[in-house]
Amino acid sequence: MIKVYIASPYTKGDVAVNVKTQIDAVDRLMNKGFAPFAPLYSHFQHIVHPRPWNEWLEVDLEWVKVCDCVLRLSGDSDGADEEVRVAKSLGIPIFYSFEDLYEAFDVVTLKLPRNPLSWQDEVIGSESFKQGVEKSIKNMRSAIMNDAQKDEWLLNKIGPVSEKEKLIASILFKYQRGLIEKVIKELS
């Protein structure tokens, strides 16, 4: 899964509204198959065991470092701005809207179960669906690329690319390769 760090306001404005906004963002991202990280969950920890702002930011920045990308929600926030700055310094892609994030990762809204071949025919429509999945798996086996093949494919398909574009492509290929290998393993 693509790990998405959500950077958004916390203390500026209504804290409760800000926390709910981030929780709603988590739900939207999970519905699309992402693995979101919501640093504002710490709000509840802070209620029981308060800590200074800089300690929370230090912990949050550690999570930024291990994410695949950052989704920066709108609103004034020194902490979110620092999270974006750190992510940029590490070459981690930043997205400023759900739509841009979805487009970058070519999100499909249909979420398949672990083993699509186990679906009931009446649920999936017909035997032709199973045949289509089996054909897709055969195509997946040939689609797994190593890094050199990926770079050559990028160059041939879209020409010279920036480092940021290479980074995004690398994340996508890494995710796709893992997903393809998982599906092949489960269905073999």
C-alpha atoms as a PDB file:
ATOM      1  CA  MET A   1       0.000   0.000   0.000  1.00  0.00           C
ATOM      2  CA  ILE A   2       1.076   3.562  -0.616  1.00  0.00           C
ATOM      3  CA  LYS A   3       1.834   5.268   2.698  1.00  0.00           C
ATOM      4  CA  VAL A   4       0.386   8.808   2.725  1.00  0.00           C
ATOM      5  CA  TYR A   5       1.319  11.269   5.448  1.00  0.00           C
ATOM      6  CA  ILE A   6      -1.464  13.833   5.979  1.00  0.00           C
ATOM      7  CA  ALA A   7      -0.138  17.314   6.771  1.00  0.00           C
ATOM      8  CA  SER A   8      -2.766  19.783   7.913  1.00  0.00           C
ATOM      9  CA  PRO A   9      -3.512  22.512  10.470  1.00  0.00           C
ATOM     10  CA  TYR A  10      -4.009  21.599  14.107  1.00  0.00           C
ATOM     11  CA  THR A  11      -3.722  24.500  16.542  1.00  0.00           C
ATOM     12  CA  LYS A  12      -4.685  27.314  14.181  1.00  0.00           C
ATOM     13  CA  GLY A  13      -8.453  27.470  13.976  1.00  0.00           C
ATOM     14  CA  ASP A  14     -10.839  25.095  15.728  1.00  0.00           C
ATOM     15  CA  VAL A  15      -8.813  22.098  16.938  1.00  0.00           C
ATOM     16  CA  ALA A  16     -11.850  19.767  16.914  1.00  0.00           C
ATOM     17  CA  VAL A  17     -12.710  20.726  13.337  1.00  0.00           C
ATOM     18  CA  ASN A  18      -9.064  20.265  12.285  1.00  0.00           C
ATOM     19  CA  VAL A  19      -8.890  16.789  13.848  1.00  0.00           C
ATOM     20  CA  LYS A  20     -12.175  15.770  12.193  1.00  0.00           C
ATOM     21  CA  THR A  21     -10.939  17.067   8.822  1.00  0.00           C
ATOM     22  CA  GLN A  22      -7.884  14.842   9.076  1.00  0.00           C
ATOM     23  CA  ILE A  23      -9.922  11.830  10.211  1.00  0.00           C
ATOM     24  CA  ASP A  24     -12.232  12.369   7.203  1.00  0.00           C
ATOM     25  CA  ALA A  25      -9.127  12.482   4.968  1.00  0.00           C
ATOM     26  CA  VAL A  26      -7.971   9.152   6.414  1.00  0.00           C
ATOM     27  CA  ASP A  27     -11.331   7.624   5.532  1.00  0.00           C
ATOM     28  CA  ARG A  28     -11.217   8.947   1.955  1.00  0.00           C
ATOM     29  CA  LEU A  29      -7.701   7.605   1.450  1.00  0.00           C
ATOM     30  CA  MET A  30      -8.462   4.204   2.978  1.00  0.00           C
ATOM     31  CA  ASN A  31     -11.479   3.909   0.688  1.00  0.00           C
ATOM     32  CA  LYS A  32      -9.076   4.268  -2.250  1.00  0.00           C
ATOM     33  CA  GLY A  33      -6.639   1.651  -0.953  1.00  0.00           C
ATOM     34  CA  PHE A  34      -3.976   3.921   0.576  1.00  0.00           C
ATOM     35  CA  ALA A  35      -2.348   3.509   4.008  1.00  0.00           C
ATOM     36  CA  PRO A  36      -2.765   6.999   5.486  1.00  0.00           C
ATOM     37  CA  PHE A  37      -0.958   8.287   8.564  1.00  0.00           C
ATOM     38  CA  ALA A  38      -2.844  10.934  10.545  1.00  0.00           C
ATOM     39  CA  PRO A  39      -0.553  12.752  12.960  1.00  0.00           C
ATOM     40  CA  LEU A  40      -3.553  14.479  14.518  1.00  0.00           C
ATOM     41  CA  TYR A  41      -4.514  11.185  16.153  1.00  0.00           C
ATOM     42  CA  SER A  42      -1.963  12.385  18.708  1.00  0.00           C
ATOM     43  CA  HIS A  43      -4.616  14.937  19.747  1.00  0.00           C
ATOM     44  CA  PHE A  44      -6.184  12.237  21.904  1.00  0.00           C
ATOM     45  CA  GLN A  45      -2.822  11.256  23.395  1.00  0.00           C
ATOM     46  CA  HIS A  46      -2.134  14.940  24.082  1.00  0.00           C
ATOM     47  CA  ILE A  47      -5.398  15.293  26.020  1.00  0.00           C
ATOM     48  CA  VAL A  48      -4.273  12.577  28.458  1.00  0.00           C
ATOM     49  CA  HIS A  49      -0.510  13.255  28.387  1.00  0.00           C
ATOM     50  CA  PRO A  50       0.234  16.787  27.125  1.00  0.00           C
ATOM     51  CA  ARG A  51       3.615  17.488  25.540  1.00  0.00           C
ATOM     52  CA  PRO A  52       5.164  20.603  24.020  1.00  0.00           C
ATOM     53  CA  TRP A  53       4.445  21.324  20.348  1.00  0.00           C
ATOM     54  CA  ASN A  54       8.077  20.761  19.330  1.00  0.00           C
ATOM     55  CA  GLU A  55       8.039  17.205  20.749  1.00  0.00           C
ATOM     56  CA  TRP A  56       4.965  16.330  18.696  1.00  0.00           C
ATOM     57  CA  LEU A  57       6.554  17.830  15.600  1.00  0.00           C
ATOM     58  CA  GLU A  58       9.735  15.824  16.163  1.00  0.00           C
ATOM     59  CA  VAL A  59       7.717  12.584  16.296  1.00  0.00           C
ATOM     60  CA  ASP A  60       5.660  13.604  13.253  1.00  0.00           C
ATOM     61  CA  LEU A  61       8.774  14.329  11.205  1.00  0.00           C
ATOM     62  CA  GLU A  62      10.001  10.783  11.832  1.00  0.00           C
ATOM     63  CA  TRP A  63       6.783   9.529  10.217  1.00  0.00           C
ATOM     64  CA  VAL A  64       7.192  11.934   7.292  1.00  0.00           C
ATOM     65  CA  LYS A  65      10.582  10.334   6.582  1.00  0.00           C
ATOM     66  CA  VAL A  66       9.075   6.878   6.057  1.00  0.00           C
ATOM     67  CA  CYS A  67       6.021   7.810   3.998  1.00  0.00           C
ATOM     68  CA  ASP A  68       5.759   7.415   0.231  1.00  0.00           C
ATOM     69  CA  CYS A  69       4.180  10.840  -0.216  1.00  0.00           C
ATOM     70  CA  VAL A  70       2.568  13.725   1.675  1.00  0.00           C
ATOM     71  CA  LEU A  71      -0.947  15.057   1.222  1.00  0.00           C
ATOM     72  CA  ARG A  72      -0.966  18.718   2.320  1.00  0.00           C
ATOM     73  CA  LEU A  73      -4.480  19.803   3.212  1.00  0.00           C
ATOM     74  CA  SER A  74      -5.330  23.487   3.013  1.00  0.00           C
ATOM     75  CA  GLY A  75      -4.979  25.888   5.918  1.00  0.00           C
ATOM     76  CA  ASP A  76      -2.328  27.879   7.718  1.00  0.00           C
ATOM     77  CA  SER A  77       0.003  25.648   9.742  1.00  0.00           C
ATOM     78  CA  ASP A  78       3.629  26.067  10.745  1.00  0.00           C
ATOM     79  CA  GLY A  79       3.851  22.351  11.589  1.00  0.00           C
ATOM     80  CA  ALA A  80       2.374  21.177   8.288  1.00  0.00           C
ATOM     81  CA  ASP A  81       4.639  23.602   6.426  1.00  0.00           C
ATOM     82  CA  GLU A  82       7.668  22.106   8.217  1.00  0.00           C
ATOM     83  CA  GLU A  83       6.485  18.584   7.375  1.00  0.00           C
ATOM     84  CA  VAL A  84       6.265  19.588   3.707  1.00  0.00           C
ATOM     85  CA  ARG A  85       9.721  21.198   3.859  1.00  0.00           C
ATOM     86  CA  VAL A  86      11.271  18.025   5.290  1.00  0.00           C
ATOM     87  CA  ALA A  87       9.473  15.813   2.770  1.00  0.00           C
ATOM     88  CA  LYS A  88      10.697  17.996  -0.114  1.00  0.00           C
ATOM     89  CA  SER A  89      14.269  17.859   1.202  1.00  0.00           C
ATOM     90  CA  LEU A  90      14.047  14.055   1.096  1.00  0.00           C
ATOM     91  CA  GLY A  91      12.541  13.990  -2.399  1.00  0.00           C
ATOM     92  CA  ILE A  92       9.176  12.748  -1.140  1.00  0.00           C
ATOM     93  CA  PRO A  93       6.331  13.846  -3.455  1.00  0.00           C
ATOM     94  CA  ILE A  94       3.857  16.406  -2.064  1.00  0.00           C
ATOM     95  CA  PHE A  95       0.247  16.548  -3.215  1.00  0.00           C
ATOM     96  CA  TYR A  96      -2.106  19.439  -2.493  1.00  0.00           C
ATOM     97  CA  SER A  97      -5.373  17.733  -3.447  1.00  0.00           C
ATOM     98  CA  PHE A  98      -6.908  14.282  -3.306  1.00  0.00           C
ATOM     99  CA  GLU A  99      -7.441  14.398  -7.055  1.00  0.00           C
ATOM    100  CA  ASP A 100      -3.749  15.023  -7.797  1.00  0.00           C
ATOM    101  CA  LEU A 101      -2.791  12.185  -5.452  1.00  0.00           C
ATOM    102  CA  TYR A 102      -5.283   9.809  -7.062  1.00  0.00           C
ATOM    103  CA  GLU A 103      -4.119  10.772 -10.541  1.00  0.00           C
ATOM    104  CA  ALA A 104      -0.443  10.288  -9.669  1.00  0.00           C
ATOM    105  CA  PHE A 105      -1.080   6.782  -8.414  1.00  0.00           C
ATOM    106  CA  ASP A 106      -3.744   5.963 -11.023  1.00  0.00           C
ATOM    107  CA  VAL A 107      -6.245   5.009  -8.351  1.00  0.00           C
ATOM    108  CA  VAL A 108      -8.991   2.606  -9.284  1.00  0.00           C
ATOM    109  CA  THR A 109     -12.061   2.972  -7.111  1.00  0.00           C
ATOM    110  CA  LEU A 110     -13.013  -0.705  -7.292  1.00  0.00           C
ATOM    111  CA  LYS A 111     -11.323  -2.631  -4.475  1.00  0.00           C
ATOM    112  CA  LEU A 112     -10.894  -6.339  -5.253  1.00  0.00           C
ATOM    113  CA  PRO A 113     -11.000  -8.982  -2.509  1.00  0.00           C
ATOM    114  CA  ARG A 114      -7.855 -10.946  -1.638  1.00  0.00           C
ATOM    115  CA  ASN A 115      -8.725 -13.738  -4.076  1.00  0.00           C
ATOM    116  CA  PRO A 116     -11.001 -12.496  -6.854  1.00  0.00           C
ATOM    117  CA  LEU A 117     -11.427 -16.044  -8.170  1.00  0.00           C
ATOM    118  CA  SER A 118     -13.294 -17.006  -4.982  1.00  0.00           C
ATOM    119  CA  TRP A 119     -16.224 -14.705  -5.745  1.00  0.00           C
ATOM    120  CA  GLN A 120     -19.582 -16.286  -6.465  1.00  0.00           C
ATOM    121  CA  ASP A 121     -20.455 -16.207 -10.197  1.00  0.00           C
ATOM    122  CA  GLU A 122     -23.710 -14.424  -9.452  1.00  0.00           C
ATOM    123  CA  VAL A 123     -21.789 -11.697  -7.621  1.00  0.00           C
ATOM    124  CA  ILE A 124     -19.170 -11.141 -10.293  1.00  0.00           C
ATOM    125  CA  GLY A 125     -21.460 -11.630 -13.257  1.00  0.00           C
ATOM    126  CA  SER A 126     -20.159 -14.643 -15.183  1.00  0.00           C
ATOM    127  CA  GLU A 127     -17.421 -17.145 -15.888  1.00  0.00           C
ATOM    128  CA  SER A 128     -15.916 -14.641 -18.345  1.00  0.00           C
ATOM    129  CA  PHE A 129     -14.889 -12.494 -15.366  1.00  0.00           C
ATOM    130  CA  LYS A 130     -12.759 -15.352 -13.974  1.00  0.00           C
ATOM    131  CA  GLN A 131     -11.205 -15.872 -17.401  1.00  0.00           C
ATOM    132  CA  GLY A 132     -10.413 -12.163 -17.581  1.00  0.00           C
ATOM    133  CA  VAL A 133      -8.720 -12.279 -14.172  1.00  0.00           C
ATOM    134  CA  GLU A 134      -6.686 -15.331 -15.187  1.00  0.00           C
ATOM    135  CA  LYS A 135      -5.585 -13.552 -18.387  1.00  0.00           C
ATOM    136  CA  SER A 136      -4.650 -10.469 -16.335  1.00  0.00           C
ATOM    137  CA  ILE A 137      -2.486 -12.597 -14.045  1.00  0.00           C
ATOM    138  CA  LYS A 138      -0.630 -14.005 -17.061  1.00  0.00           C
ATOM    139  CA  ASN A 139      -0.056 -10.429 -18.255  1.00  0.00           C
ATOM    140  CA  MET A 140       1.095  -9.409 -14.767  1.00  0.00           C
ATOM    141  CA  ARG A 141       3.827 -12.048 -14.780  1.00  0.00           C
ATOM    142  CA  SER A 142       5.323 -10.427 -17.861  1.00  0.00           C
ATOM    143  CA  ALA A 143       4.812  -6.892 -16.504  1.00  0.00           C
ATOM    144  CA  ILE A 144       7.237  -7.113 -13.574  1.00  0.00           C
ATOM    145  CA  MET A 145      10.201  -4.913 -14.431  1.00  0.00           C
ATOM    146  CA  ASN A 146      13.548  -4.426 -12.786  1.00  0.00           C
ATOM    147  CA  ASP A 147      14.861  -0.891 -12.209  1.00  0.00           C
ATOM    148  CA  ALA A 148      16.890  -0.785 -15.454  1.00  0.00           C
ATOM    149  CA  GLN A 149      13.857  -1.907 -17.473  1.00  0.00           C
ATOM    150  CA  LYS A 150      11.709   0.675 -15.674  1.00  0.00           C
ATOM    151  CA  ASP A 151      14.114   3.517 -16.539  1.00  0.00           C
ATOM    152  CA  GLU A 152      14.289   2.371 -20.172  1.00  0.00           C
ATOM    153  CA  TRP A 153      10.489   2.123 -20.334  1.00  0.00           C
ATOM    154  CA  LEU A 154      10.114   5.656 -18.932  1.00  0.00           C
ATOM    155  CA  LEU A 155      12.568   7.059 -21.442  1.00  0.00           C
ATOM    156  CA  ASN A 156      10.886   5.307 -24.363  1.00  0.00           C
ATOM    157  CA  LYS A 157       7.327   6.145 -23.299  1.00  0.00           C
ATOM    158  CA  ILE A 158       7.593   9.754 -22.185  1.00  0.00           C
ATOM    159  CA  GLY A 159      11.087  10.950 -22.959  1.00  0.00           C
ATOM    160  CA  PRO A 160      13.457  12.577 -20.470  1.00  0.00           C
ATOM    161  CA  VAL A 161      11.951  12.964 -17.011  1.00  0.00           C
ATOM    162  CA  SER A 162      12.765  15.068 -13.965  1.00  0.00           C
ATOM    163  CA  GLU A 163      14.069  13.566 -10.735  1.00  0.00           C
ATOM    164  CA  LYS A 164      10.641  14.124  -9.160  1.00  0.00           C
ATOM    165  CA  GLU A 165       8.952  12.231 -12.007  1.00  0.00           C
ATOM    166  CA  LYS A 166      11.497   9.413 -11.633  1.00  0.00           C
ATOM    167  CA  LEU A 167      10.769   9.284  -7.902  1.00  0.00           C
ATOM    168  CA  ILE A 168       7.023   9.071  -8.414  1.00  0.00           C
ATOM    169  CA  ALA A 169       7.506   6.410 -11.106  1.00  0.00           C
ATOM    170  CA  SER A 170       9.815   4.487  -8.777  1.00  0.00           C
ATOM    171  CA  ILE A 171       7.182   4.483  -6.028  1.00  0.00           C
ATOM    172  CA  LEU A 172       4.526   3.357  -8.478  1.00  0.00           C
ATOM    173  CA  PHE A 173       6.662   0.582  -9.959  1.00  0.00           C
ATOM    174  CA  LYS A 174       7.684  -0.603  -6.480  1.00  0.00           C
ATOM    175  CA  TYR A 175       4.042  -0.695  -5.393  1.00  0.00           C
ATOM    176  CA  GLN A 176       2.895  -2.334  -8.637  1.00  0.00           C
ATOM    177  CA  ARG A 177       5.645  -4.952  -8.519  1.00  0.00           C
ATOM    178  CA  GLY A 178       4.770  -5.861  -4.919  1.00  0.00           C
ATOM    179  CA  LEU A 179       1.068  -6.013  -5.696  1.00  0.00           C
ATOM    180  CA  ILE A 180       1.589  -8.118  -8.824  1.00  0.00           C
ATOM    181  CA  GLU A 181       3.905 -10.541  -7.019  1.00  0.00           C
ATOM    182  CA  LYS A 182       1.387 -10.855  -4.162  1.00  0.00           C
ATOM    183  CA  VAL A 183      -1.520 -11.580  -6.514  1.00  0.00           C
ATOM    184  CA  ILE A 184       0.516 -14.122  -8.468  1.00  0.00           C
ATOM    185  CA  LYS A 185       1.585 -15.861  -5.247  1.00  0.00           C
ATOM    186  CA  GLU A 186      -1.986 -15.998  -3.893  1.00  0.00           C
ATOM    187  CA  LEU A 187      -3.461 -17.293  -7.124  1.00  0.00           C
ATOM    188  CA  SER A 188      -0.735 -19.751  -8.126  1.00  0.00           C
END
